[in-house]
Structure formats: C-alpha cells, structure tokens
C-alpha cells in the first residue's frame, strides 16, 4: 500500500510527463503551422488556377449539351463531367390522388415513396424523373439541368479538402 509521500512523488512524475507531452504536441503544432504558412501561397495559386480552368470547363460543357444526351455524364481523367437533374421543388396539390397513383404505378416502391401516415414523401418523389411525377399528378418547378464537375474521390481527397478548408476557406 502506498503512502501519501509516494503518491505525491508519482503525481509529480505524472505532471512532468504530461508537461513533456504537451510540449512535444505544441512543437508539432508549431511545425505544422509553419509548413502550412510556407505552402499556402502555392496552394492558393493552384486553387485559383483550378477555379479558372473549372470555369472554362463549365462553359465548354454548357455550350455543348448535345454531347451529354446519353450518357448525361462521363468520367474523363477521373473527373465526372456533364449534366445532372437539379432537384427543383415539388408541389403536390392532391396528396390522396398521388398516393393512389403511387400504389397503382409503383407498388414495389410504396414504402419508399409514401410515409406510414399516407403522405407522399417529397424527398423521394423529387428523385423521380419529371415524366413520372407528371403521371402522378405532381407539378415540378425549377427542375433545370446544371453542369456537374466532380472529382472522383481518391484516398487523399479528404486530406486535401480539409487542408484547403482550413488554409484558404475553399472546398475542392
């Protein structure tokens, strides 16, 4: 059994070890901050260049919608480009009628498209093609095509995104 003197000695050792750990962590943090400051101008310049090229790519895609009829997107050099349906907003004027039509037209998807309380699920219906929404008696507003340019994720993307968010406030 330990006495108070031994416990005091161990507490002092523990405090010293803790201070040593904090010092090492502080040094690491300082080194990382210095590395980030040194790399920031290069990263900011590359981010600006990426933005400029991205605008050119977006303009080229917008000018050539006929190239993206089928398929609507393509992956080129690990970058997904093309068009995708923007979600828009759904207006359901007669919920009961929509429910009846869902049960008739999409019987296997009833649980996905109708809540237990028999209310159409707008989020799920919003994912349906506009033509299917019209069949159900749903009016779709603002469902326009938008250009999509998305990098196919690699293992380092999360690290780069986190660094950019912290360093320059941008997302790739």
N, C-alpha and C. Protein backbone atom coordinates (compact mmCIF):
# COMPACT_ATOMS: atom_id res chain seq x y z
N UNK A 1 0.84 -1.18 0.00
CA UNK A 1 0.00 0.00 0.00
C UNK A 1 0.89 1.25 0.00
N UNK A 2 0.53 2.23 -0.84
CA UNK A 2 1.33 3.45 -0.96
C UNK A 2 0.98 4.44 0.13
N UNK A 3 2.00 5.26 0.48
CA UNK A 3 1.71 6.33 1.42
C UNK A 3 1.59 7.65 0.65
N UNK A 4 1.22 8.70 1.32
CA UNK A 4 0.99 10.00 0.68
C UNK A 4 2.25 10.55 0.03
N UNK A 5 3.40 10.30 0.61
CA UNK A 5 4.67 10.75 0.04
C UNK A 5 4.91 10.09 -1.32
N UNK A 6 4.66 8.78 -1.41
CA UNK A 6 4.85 8.06 -2.67
C UNK A 6 3.86 8.54 -3.73
N UNK A 7 2.61 8.78 -3.32
CA UNK A 7 1.59 9.27 -4.25
C UNK A 7 1.97 10.66 -4.76
N UNK A 8 2.49 11.51 -3.85
CA UNK A 8 2.92 12.86 -4.23
C UNK A 8 4.06 12.78 -5.25
N UNK A 9 4.99 11.85 -5.03
CA UNK A 9 6.12 11.66 -5.94
C UNK A 9 5.62 11.22 -7.33
N UNK A 10 4.67 10.25 -7.37
CA UNK A 10 4.11 9.78 -8.64
C UNK A 10 3.31 10.89 -9.34
N UNK A 11 2.59 11.70 -8.56
CA UNK A 11 1.83 12.82 -9.13
C UNK A 11 2.77 13.82 -9.78
N UNK A 12 3.92 14.05 -9.14
CA UNK A 12 4.92 14.97 -9.69
C UNK A 12 5.48 14.42 -11.00
N UNK A 13 5.76 13.12 -11.04
CA UNK A 13 6.24 12.46 -12.26
C UNK A 13 5.20 12.54 -13.37
N UNK A 14 3.94 12.28 -12.97
CA UNK A 14 2.84 12.33 -13.94
C UNK A 14 2.71 13.74 -14.52
N UNK A 15 2.80 14.77 -13.65
CA UNK A 15 2.72 16.16 -14.11
C UNK A 15 3.86 16.48 -15.07
N UNK A 16 5.05 15.99 -14.77
CA UNK A 16 6.20 16.20 -15.65
C UNK A 16 6.02 15.51 -17.00
N UNK A 17 5.54 14.27 -16.96
CA UNK A 17 5.31 13.54 -18.21
C UNK A 17 4.24 14.23 -19.04
N UNK A 18 3.20 14.73 -18.37
CA UNK A 18 2.12 15.44 -19.06
C UNK A 18 2.65 16.73 -19.69
N UNK A 19 3.46 17.47 -18.96
CA UNK A 19 4.05 18.71 -19.48
C UNK A 19 4.94 18.40 -20.68
N UNK A 20 5.69 17.31 -20.61
CA UNK A 20 6.56 16.91 -21.72
C UNK A 20 5.74 16.58 -22.96
N UNK A 21 4.61 15.86 -22.76
CA UNK A 21 3.72 15.53 -23.86
C UNK A 21 3.14 16.81 -24.48
N UNK A 22 2.70 17.74 -23.64
CA UNK A 22 2.15 19.00 -24.15
C UNK A 22 3.20 19.79 -24.91
N UNK A 23 4.42 19.78 -24.45
CA UNK A 23 5.50 20.48 -25.14
C UNK A 23 5.73 19.87 -26.52
N UNK A 24 5.80 18.54 -26.60
CA UNK A 24 6.01 17.87 -27.88
C UNK A 24 4.84 18.14 -28.83
N UNK A 25 3.61 18.09 -28.31
CA UNK A 25 2.44 18.37 -29.15
C UNK A 25 2.45 19.81 -29.62
N UNK A 26 2.83 20.72 -28.75
CA UNK A 26 2.93 22.14 -29.12
C UNK A 26 3.97 22.37 -30.20
N UNK A 27 5.11 21.70 -30.09
CA UNK A 27 6.16 21.81 -31.11
C UNK A 27 5.67 21.28 -32.46
N UNK A 28 4.98 20.15 -32.42
CA UNK A 28 4.42 19.60 -33.65
C UNK A 28 3.42 20.57 -34.27
N UNK A 29 2.54 21.13 -33.45
CA UNK A 29 1.55 22.08 -33.94
C UNK A 29 2.24 23.29 -34.56
N UNK A 30 3.29 23.78 -33.93
CA UNK A 30 4.04 24.93 -34.46
C UNK A 30 4.70 24.59 -35.80
N UNK A 31 5.28 23.41 -35.88
CA UNK A 31 5.89 22.98 -37.14
C UNK A 31 4.85 22.86 -38.25
N UNK A 32 3.69 22.31 -37.92
CA UNK A 32 2.63 22.17 -38.91
C UNK A 32 2.13 23.54 -39.36
N UNK A 33 1.99 24.47 -38.43
CA UNK A 33 1.56 25.83 -38.77
C UNK A 33 2.57 26.48 -39.70
N UNK A 34 3.86 26.33 -39.40
CA UNK A 34 4.89 26.91 -40.26
C UNK A 34 4.89 26.29 -41.66
N UNK A 35 4.70 24.96 -41.73
CA UNK A 35 4.62 24.29 -43.03
C UNK A 35 3.42 24.78 -43.83
N UNK A 36 2.29 24.93 -43.15
CA UNK A 36 1.09 25.43 -43.82
C UNK A 36 1.30 26.84 -44.36
N UNK A 37 1.90 27.71 -43.54
CA UNK A 37 2.16 29.08 -43.98
C UNK A 37 3.07 29.10 -45.19
N UNK A 38 4.07 28.23 -45.18
CA UNK A 38 5.02 28.17 -46.30
C UNK A 38 4.33 27.65 -47.57
N UNK A 39 3.45 26.68 -47.42
CA UNK A 39 2.80 26.07 -48.58
C UNK A 39 1.58 26.86 -49.07
N UNK A 40 1.03 27.72 -48.23
CA UNK A 40 -0.21 28.41 -48.57
C UNK A 40 -0.17 29.20 -49.88
N UNK A 41 0.86 29.99 -50.16
CA UNK A 41 0.85 30.74 -51.43
C UNK A 41 0.77 29.83 -52.66
N UNK A 42 1.50 28.73 -52.63
CA UNK A 42 1.48 27.78 -53.75
C UNK A 42 0.10 27.14 -53.88
N UNK A 43 -0.47 26.76 -52.75
CA UNK A 43 -1.79 26.13 -52.76
C UNK A 43 -2.85 27.13 -53.22
N UNK A 44 -2.77 28.37 -52.75
CA UNK A 44 -3.74 29.39 -53.15
C UNK A 44 -3.64 29.65 -54.65
N UNK A 45 -2.43 29.71 -55.19
CA UNK A 45 -2.25 29.92 -56.63
C UNK A 45 -2.84 28.76 -57.42
N UNK A 46 -2.60 27.55 -56.95
CA UNK A 46 -3.15 26.37 -57.64
C UNK A 46 -4.67 26.33 -57.54
N UNK A 47 -5.20 26.76 -56.41
CA UNK A 47 -6.66 26.82 -56.24
C UNK A 47 -7.26 27.84 -57.19
N UNK A 48 -6.61 28.98 -57.36
CA UNK A 48 -7.08 30.00 -58.31
C UNK A 48 -7.04 29.45 -59.74
N UNK A 49 -5.95 28.77 -60.09
CA UNK A 49 -5.82 28.18 -61.42
C UNK A 49 -6.91 27.13 -61.63
N UNK A 50 -7.15 26.29 -60.61
CA UNK A 50 -8.20 25.29 -60.70
C UNK A 50 -9.55 25.95 -60.94
N UNK A 51 -9.82 27.04 -60.24
CA UNK A 51 -11.07 27.76 -60.43
C UNK A 51 -11.22 28.29 -61.84
N UNK A 52 -10.14 28.84 -62.39
CA UNK A 52 -10.18 29.39 -63.75
C UNK A 52 -10.41 28.29 -64.78
N UNK A 53 -9.70 27.18 -64.65
CA UNK A 53 -9.89 26.05 -65.57
C UNK A 53 -11.30 25.49 -65.41
N UNK A 54 -11.78 25.44 -64.16
CA UNK A 54 -13.13 24.94 -63.90
C UNK A 54 -14.18 25.79 -64.61
N UNK A 55 -14.01 27.11 -64.62
CA UNK A 55 -14.95 27.99 -65.32
C UNK A 55 -14.91 27.74 -66.82
N UNK A 56 -13.72 27.53 -67.37
CA UNK A 56 -13.60 27.22 -68.80
C UNK A 56 -14.28 25.89 -69.12
N UNK A 57 -14.06 24.89 -68.27
CA UNK A 57 -14.67 23.58 -68.48
C UNK A 57 -16.19 23.69 -68.39
N UNK A 58 -16.69 24.42 -67.41
CA UNK A 58 -18.13 24.59 -67.26
C UNK A 58 -18.73 25.27 -68.50
N UNK A 59 -18.06 26.30 -68.99
CA UNK A 59 -18.55 27.00 -70.19
C UNK A 59 -18.57 26.06 -71.40
N UNK A 60 -17.52 25.26 -71.55
CA UNK A 60 -17.46 24.32 -72.67
C UNK A 60 -18.59 23.29 -72.59
N UNK A 61 -18.89 22.82 -71.40
CA UNK A 61 -19.98 21.85 -71.23
C UNK A 61 -21.32 22.51 -71.52
N UNK A 62 -21.51 23.72 -70.99
CA UNK A 62 -22.77 24.44 -71.23
C UNK A 62 -23.00 24.70 -72.72
N UNK A 63 -21.93 24.94 -73.47
CA UNK A 63 -22.04 25.21 -74.90
C UNK A 63 -22.27 23.95 -75.72
N UNK A 64 -22.12 22.77 -75.13
CA UNK A 64 -22.19 21.52 -75.87
C UNK A 64 -23.14 20.50 -75.23
N UNK A 65 -24.38 20.86 -74.93
CA UNK A 65 -25.27 19.91 -74.27
C UNK A 65 -25.57 18.67 -75.11
N UNK A 66 -25.44 18.79 -76.42
CA UNK A 66 -25.72 17.65 -77.30
C UNK A 66 -24.74 16.50 -77.07
N UNK A 67 -23.57 16.79 -76.51
CA UNK A 67 -22.58 15.75 -76.23
C UNK A 67 -22.95 14.92 -74.99
N UNK A 68 -23.95 15.39 -74.24
CA UNK A 68 -24.28 14.74 -72.98
C UNK A 68 -25.75 14.33 -72.92
N UNK A 69 -26.29 13.90 -74.06
CA UNK A 69 -27.67 13.40 -74.06
C UNK A 69 -27.72 12.00 -73.45
N UNK A 70 -26.90 11.10 -73.94
CA UNK A 70 -26.78 9.75 -73.39
C UNK A 70 -25.35 9.30 -73.56
N UNK A 71 -24.61 9.05 -72.58
CA UNK A 71 -24.93 9.26 -71.17
C UNK A 71 -24.89 10.75 -70.83
N UNK A 72 -25.57 11.14 -69.76
CA UNK A 72 -25.64 12.55 -69.36
C UNK A 72 -24.37 13.01 -68.67
N UNK A 73 -23.59 12.06 -68.16
CA UNK A 73 -22.29 12.38 -67.58
C UNK A 73 -21.26 11.39 -68.08
N UNK A 74 -20.01 11.81 -68.07
CA UNK A 74 -18.90 10.94 -68.44
C UNK A 74 -17.75 11.19 -67.47
N UNK A 75 -16.92 10.19 -67.27
CA UNK A 75 -15.73 10.36 -66.44
C UNK A 75 -14.53 10.45 -67.38
N UNK A 76 -13.84 11.57 -67.29
CA UNK A 76 -12.66 11.81 -68.10
C UNK A 76 -11.51 12.19 -67.17
N UNK A 77 -10.45 11.43 -67.20
CA UNK A 77 -9.28 11.70 -66.36
C UNK A 77 -9.67 11.79 -64.88
N UNK A 78 -10.58 10.90 -64.48
CA UNK A 78 -11.04 10.82 -63.10
C UNK A 78 -11.91 12.02 -62.67
N UNK A 79 -12.44 12.77 -63.65
CA UNK A 79 -13.33 13.90 -63.39
C UNK A 79 -14.66 13.61 -64.07
N UNK A 80 -15.74 13.65 -63.30
CA UNK A 80 -17.08 13.42 -63.83
C UNK A 80 -17.60 14.75 -64.38
N UNK A 81 -17.98 14.75 -65.67
CA UNK A 81 -18.48 15.97 -66.32
C UNK A 81 -19.79 15.67 -67.03
N UNK A 82 -20.59 16.69 -67.24
CA UNK A 82 -21.84 16.53 -67.96
C UNK A 82 -22.95 17.30 -67.29
N UNK A 83 -24.16 16.74 -67.34
CA UNK A 83 -25.33 17.38 -66.77
C UNK A 83 -26.03 16.40 -65.82
N UNK A 84 -26.67 16.95 -64.80
CA UNK A 84 -27.49 16.15 -63.92
C UNK A 84 -28.72 16.96 -63.57
N UNK A 85 -29.81 16.27 -63.30
CA UNK A 85 -31.06 16.93 -62.95
C UNK A 85 -30.90 17.62 -61.61
N UNK A 86 -31.23 18.89 -61.59
CA UNK A 86 -31.26 19.62 -60.33
C UNK A 86 -32.56 19.25 -59.64
N UNK A 87 -32.53 19.13 -58.34
CA UNK A 87 -33.69 18.60 -57.64
C UNK A 87 -34.94 19.45 -57.82
N UNK A 88 -34.83 20.76 -57.90
CA UNK A 88 -36.03 21.58 -58.05
C UNK A 88 -36.93 21.43 -56.83
N UNK A 89 -38.18 21.86 -56.97
CA UNK A 89 -39.13 21.73 -55.88
C UNK A 89 -40.36 20.98 -56.38
N UNK A 90 -40.99 20.28 -55.47
CA UNK A 90 -42.18 19.50 -55.82
C UNK A 90 -43.40 20.16 -55.17
N UNK A 91 -44.47 20.25 -55.93
CA UNK A 91 -45.73 20.75 -55.41
C UNK A 91 -46.76 19.64 -55.58
N UNK A 92 -47.34 19.21 -54.48
CA UNK A 92 -48.37 18.16 -54.52
C UNK A 92 -49.69 18.81 -54.13
N UNK A 93 -50.57 18.96 -55.11
CA UNK A 93 -51.85 19.62 -54.84
C UNK A 93 -52.87 18.66 -54.23
N UNK A 94 -52.86 17.40 -54.66
CA UNK A 94 -53.82 16.42 -54.17
C UNK A 94 -53.07 15.18 -53.70
N UNK A 95 -52.69 15.17 -52.43
CA UNK A 95 -51.88 14.09 -51.87
C UNK A 95 -52.57 12.74 -51.99
N UNK A 96 -53.86 12.69 -51.75
CA UNK A 96 -54.58 11.42 -51.82
C UNK A 96 -54.52 10.83 -53.22
N UNK A 97 -54.66 11.68 -54.22
CA UNK A 97 -54.59 11.22 -55.61
C UNK A 97 -53.20 10.68 -55.94
N UNK A 98 -52.16 11.38 -55.46
CA UNK A 98 -50.78 10.95 -55.70
C UNK A 98 -50.54 9.59 -55.05
N UNK A 99 -51.05 9.40 -53.84
CA UNK A 99 -50.88 8.13 -53.12
C UNK A 99 -51.54 6.99 -53.90
N UNK A 100 -52.74 7.23 -54.38
CA UNK A 100 -53.44 6.20 -55.17
C UNK A 100 -52.62 5.85 -56.40
N UNK A 101 -52.09 6.86 -57.07
CA UNK A 101 -51.30 6.62 -58.29
C UNK A 101 -49.98 5.92 -57.99
N UNK A 102 -49.35 6.27 -56.87
CA UNK A 102 -48.10 5.59 -56.48
C UNK A 102 -48.39 4.11 -56.26
N UNK A 103 -49.45 3.81 -55.51
CA UNK A 103 -49.80 2.41 -55.24
C UNK A 103 -50.07 1.66 -56.54
N UNK A 104 -50.68 2.34 -57.52
CA UNK A 104 -51.01 1.70 -58.80
C UNK A 104 -49.78 1.58 -59.70
N UNK A 105 -49.01 2.67 -59.83
CA UNK A 105 -47.90 2.70 -60.79
C UNK A 105 -46.58 2.16 -60.23
N UNK A 106 -46.38 2.29 -58.93
CA UNK A 106 -45.11 1.86 -58.31
C UNK A 106 -45.38 1.03 -57.05
N UNK A 107 -46.07 -0.11 -57.18
CA UNK A 107 -46.45 -0.88 -55.98
C UNK A 107 -45.25 -1.38 -55.17
N UNK A 108 -44.14 -1.64 -55.81
CA UNK A 108 -42.96 -2.14 -55.08
C UNK A 108 -42.23 -1.03 -54.33
N UNK A 109 -42.54 0.22 -54.65
CA UNK A 109 -41.84 1.35 -54.03
C UNK A 109 -42.71 2.13 -53.05
N UNK A 110 -43.86 1.56 -52.69
CA UNK A 110 -44.80 2.25 -51.79
C UNK A 110 -44.11 2.67 -50.50
N UNK A 111 -43.33 1.77 -49.90
CA UNK A 111 -42.68 2.10 -48.62
C UNK A 111 -41.66 3.23 -48.78
N UNK A 112 -41.05 3.34 -49.96
CA UNK A 112 -40.07 4.40 -50.21
C UNK A 112 -40.71 5.75 -50.52
N UNK A 113 -41.89 5.72 -51.15
CA UNK A 113 -42.49 6.94 -51.66
C UNK A 113 -43.67 7.46 -50.83
N UNK A 114 -44.19 6.63 -49.91
CA UNK A 114 -45.32 7.05 -49.08
C UNK A 114 -44.97 6.83 -47.62
N UNK A 115 -45.15 7.86 -46.81
CA UNK A 115 -44.95 7.72 -45.37
C UNK A 115 -46.09 6.92 -44.78
N UNK A 116 -45.84 6.33 -43.63
CA UNK A 116 -46.85 5.50 -42.98
C UNK A 116 -48.14 6.27 -42.77
N UNK A 117 -48.03 7.57 -42.54
CA UNK A 117 -49.23 8.37 -42.32
C UNK A 117 -49.91 8.74 -43.64
N UNK A 118 -49.51 8.06 -44.72
CA UNK A 118 -50.13 8.24 -46.03
C UNK A 118 -49.95 9.65 -46.57
N UNK A 119 -48.73 10.14 -46.49
CA UNK A 119 -48.36 11.42 -47.08
C UNK A 119 -47.24 11.15 -48.07
N UNK A 120 -47.34 11.70 -49.29
CA UNK A 120 -46.26 11.48 -50.25
C UNK A 120 -44.93 12.00 -49.68
N UNK A 121 -43.85 11.28 -49.93
CA UNK A 121 -42.52 11.67 -49.45
C UNK A 121 -41.87 12.52 -50.53
N UNK A 122 -41.85 13.83 -50.28
CA UNK A 122 -41.36 14.76 -51.29
C UNK A 122 -39.90 14.47 -51.67
N UNK A 123 -39.07 14.16 -50.69
CA UNK A 123 -37.65 13.91 -50.98
C UNK A 123 -37.49 12.74 -51.94
N UNK A 124 -38.27 11.68 -51.74
CA UNK A 124 -38.18 10.51 -52.62
C UNK A 124 -38.81 10.81 -53.97
N UNK A 125 -39.95 11.48 -53.96
CA UNK A 125 -40.62 11.83 -55.22
C UNK A 125 -39.76 12.79 -56.05
N UNK A 126 -39.01 13.62 -55.36
CA UNK A 126 -38.16 14.59 -56.04
C UNK A 126 -37.06 13.91 -56.85
N UNK A 127 -36.75 12.66 -56.51
CA UNK A 127 -35.72 11.91 -57.23
C UNK A 127 -36.28 11.22 -58.48
N UNK A 128 -37.61 11.18 -58.59
CA UNK A 128 -38.22 10.56 -59.78
C UNK A 128 -38.03 11.45 -61.00
N UNK A 129 -37.98 10.86 -62.18
CA UNK A 129 -37.95 11.68 -63.39
C UNK A 129 -39.22 12.55 -63.47
N UNK A 130 -39.09 13.70 -64.11
CA UNK A 130 -40.21 14.63 -64.23
C UNK A 130 -41.42 13.96 -64.86
N UNK A 131 -41.20 13.11 -65.87
CA UNK A 131 -42.31 12.43 -66.55
C UNK A 131 -43.11 11.57 -65.57
N UNK A 132 -42.42 10.86 -64.66
CA UNK A 132 -43.11 10.05 -63.67
C UNK A 132 -43.89 10.93 -62.69
N UNK A 133 -43.32 12.06 -62.32
CA UNK A 133 -44.02 12.98 -61.42
C UNK A 133 -45.32 13.46 -62.07
N UNK A 134 -45.25 13.78 -63.35
CA UNK A 134 -46.45 14.24 -64.07
C UNK A 134 -47.51 13.15 -64.12
N UNK A 135 -47.10 11.90 -64.32
CA UNK A 135 -48.05 10.78 -64.32
C UNK A 135 -48.81 10.70 -63.00
N UNK A 136 -48.12 11.09 -61.92
CA UNK A 136 -48.72 11.05 -60.60
C UNK A 136 -49.54 12.29 -60.29
N UNK A 137 -49.54 13.26 -61.18
CA UNK A 137 -50.27 14.50 -60.94
C UNK A 137 -49.49 15.49 -60.10
N UNK A 138 -48.16 15.39 -60.14
CA UNK A 138 -47.28 16.28 -59.37
C UNK A 138 -46.72 17.33 -60.31
N UNK A 139 -46.78 18.59 -59.90
CA UNK A 139 -46.20 19.68 -60.66
C UNK A 139 -44.76 19.87 -60.19
N UNK A 140 -43.82 19.90 -61.11
CA UNK A 140 -42.41 20.09 -60.77
C UNK A 140 -41.99 21.48 -61.23
N UNK A 141 -41.43 22.26 -60.30
CA UNK A 141 -40.96 23.61 -60.59
C UNK A 141 -39.43 23.64 -60.56
N UNK A 142 -38.83 24.44 -61.41
CA UNK A 142 -37.39 24.70 -61.39
C UNK A 142 -36.52 23.46 -61.53
N UNK A 143 -36.95 22.46 -62.26
CA UNK A 143 -36.14 21.25 -62.46
C UNK A 143 -35.31 21.44 -63.71
N UNK A 144 -34.25 22.22 -63.58
CA UNK A 144 -33.39 22.50 -64.72
C UNK A 144 -32.11 21.70 -64.63
N UNK A 145 -31.45 21.55 -65.77
CA UNK A 145 -30.17 20.86 -65.78
C UNK A 145 -29.08 21.83 -65.33
N UNK A 146 -28.15 21.32 -64.57
CA UNK A 146 -26.99 22.10 -64.15
C UNK A 146 -25.74 21.32 -64.52
N UNK A 147 -24.69 22.03 -64.80
CA UNK A 147 -23.41 21.40 -65.13
C UNK A 147 -22.87 20.72 -63.88
N UNK A 148 -22.32 19.53 -64.05
CA UNK A 148 -21.69 18.82 -62.94
C UNK A 148 -20.23 18.58 -63.29
N UNK A 149 -19.37 18.98 -62.38
CA UNK A 149 -17.93 18.72 -62.50
C UNK A 149 -17.50 18.23 -61.13
N UNK A 150 -17.29 16.94 -60.99
CA UNK A 150 -16.98 16.36 -59.69
C UNK A 150 -15.78 15.44 -59.82
N UNK A 151 -14.80 15.68 -58.99
CA UNK A 151 -13.64 14.78 -58.97
C UNK A 151 -14.06 13.46 -58.36
N UNK A 152 -13.70 12.37 -58.99
CA UNK A 152 -13.94 11.06 -58.41
C UNK A 152 -12.97 10.93 -57.24
N UNK A 153 -13.50 10.65 -56.06
CA UNK A 153 -12.72 10.71 -54.82
C UNK A 153 -11.57 9.69 -54.80
N UNK A 154 -10.43 10.18 -54.33
CA UNK A 154 -9.28 9.32 -54.08
C UNK A 154 -9.03 9.32 -52.58
N UNK A 155 -8.09 8.52 -52.14
CA UNK A 155 -7.79 8.42 -50.71
C UNK A 155 -7.30 9.74 -50.12
N UNK A 156 -6.64 10.56 -50.93
CA UNK A 156 -6.08 11.80 -50.39
C UNK A 156 -7.03 12.99 -50.50
N UNK A 157 -8.17 12.82 -51.16
CA UNK A 157 -9.10 13.93 -51.34
C UNK A 157 -9.57 14.52 -50.01
N UNK A 158 -9.88 13.68 -49.04
CA UNK A 158 -10.36 14.19 -47.76
C UNK A 158 -9.29 15.05 -47.10
N UNK A 159 -8.05 14.61 -47.17
CA UNK A 159 -6.95 15.37 -46.58
C UNK A 159 -6.81 16.71 -47.27
N UNK A 160 -6.85 16.71 -48.60
CA UNK A 160 -6.71 17.95 -49.37
C UNK A 160 -7.86 18.89 -49.05
N UNK A 161 -9.08 18.38 -49.03
CA UNK A 161 -10.25 19.21 -48.73
C UNK A 161 -10.15 19.83 -47.34
N UNK A 162 -9.74 19.03 -46.37
CA UNK A 162 -9.60 19.55 -45.01
C UNK A 162 -8.53 20.63 -44.95
N UNK A 163 -7.44 20.41 -45.64
CA UNK A 163 -6.36 21.40 -45.65
C UNK A 163 -6.83 22.68 -46.32
N UNK A 164 -7.47 22.57 -47.47
CA UNK A 164 -7.95 23.75 -48.17
C UNK A 164 -8.98 24.50 -47.35
N UNK A 165 -9.86 23.78 -46.70
CA UNK A 165 -10.89 24.43 -45.88
C UNK A 165 -10.25 25.22 -44.77
N UNK A 166 -9.26 24.64 -44.14
CA UNK A 166 -8.58 25.33 -43.04
C UNK A 166 -7.68 26.45 -43.53
N UNK A 167 -6.96 26.20 -44.64
CA UNK A 167 -5.95 27.15 -45.10
C UNK A 167 -6.53 28.32 -45.89
N UNK A 168 -7.44 28.03 -46.82
CA UNK A 168 -7.94 29.11 -47.69
C UNK A 168 -9.45 29.23 -47.68
N UNK A 169 -10.12 28.41 -46.92
CA UNK A 169 -11.58 28.50 -46.84
C UNK A 169 -12.31 28.02 -48.07
N UNK A 170 -11.67 27.23 -48.92
CA UNK A 170 -12.29 26.72 -50.14
C UNK A 170 -12.54 25.23 -50.01
N UNK A 171 -13.46 24.74 -50.86
CA UNK A 171 -13.67 23.29 -50.99
C UNK A 171 -13.35 22.94 -52.42
N UNK A 172 -12.67 21.80 -52.62
CA UNK A 172 -12.34 21.41 -53.99
C UNK A 172 -13.49 20.73 -54.64
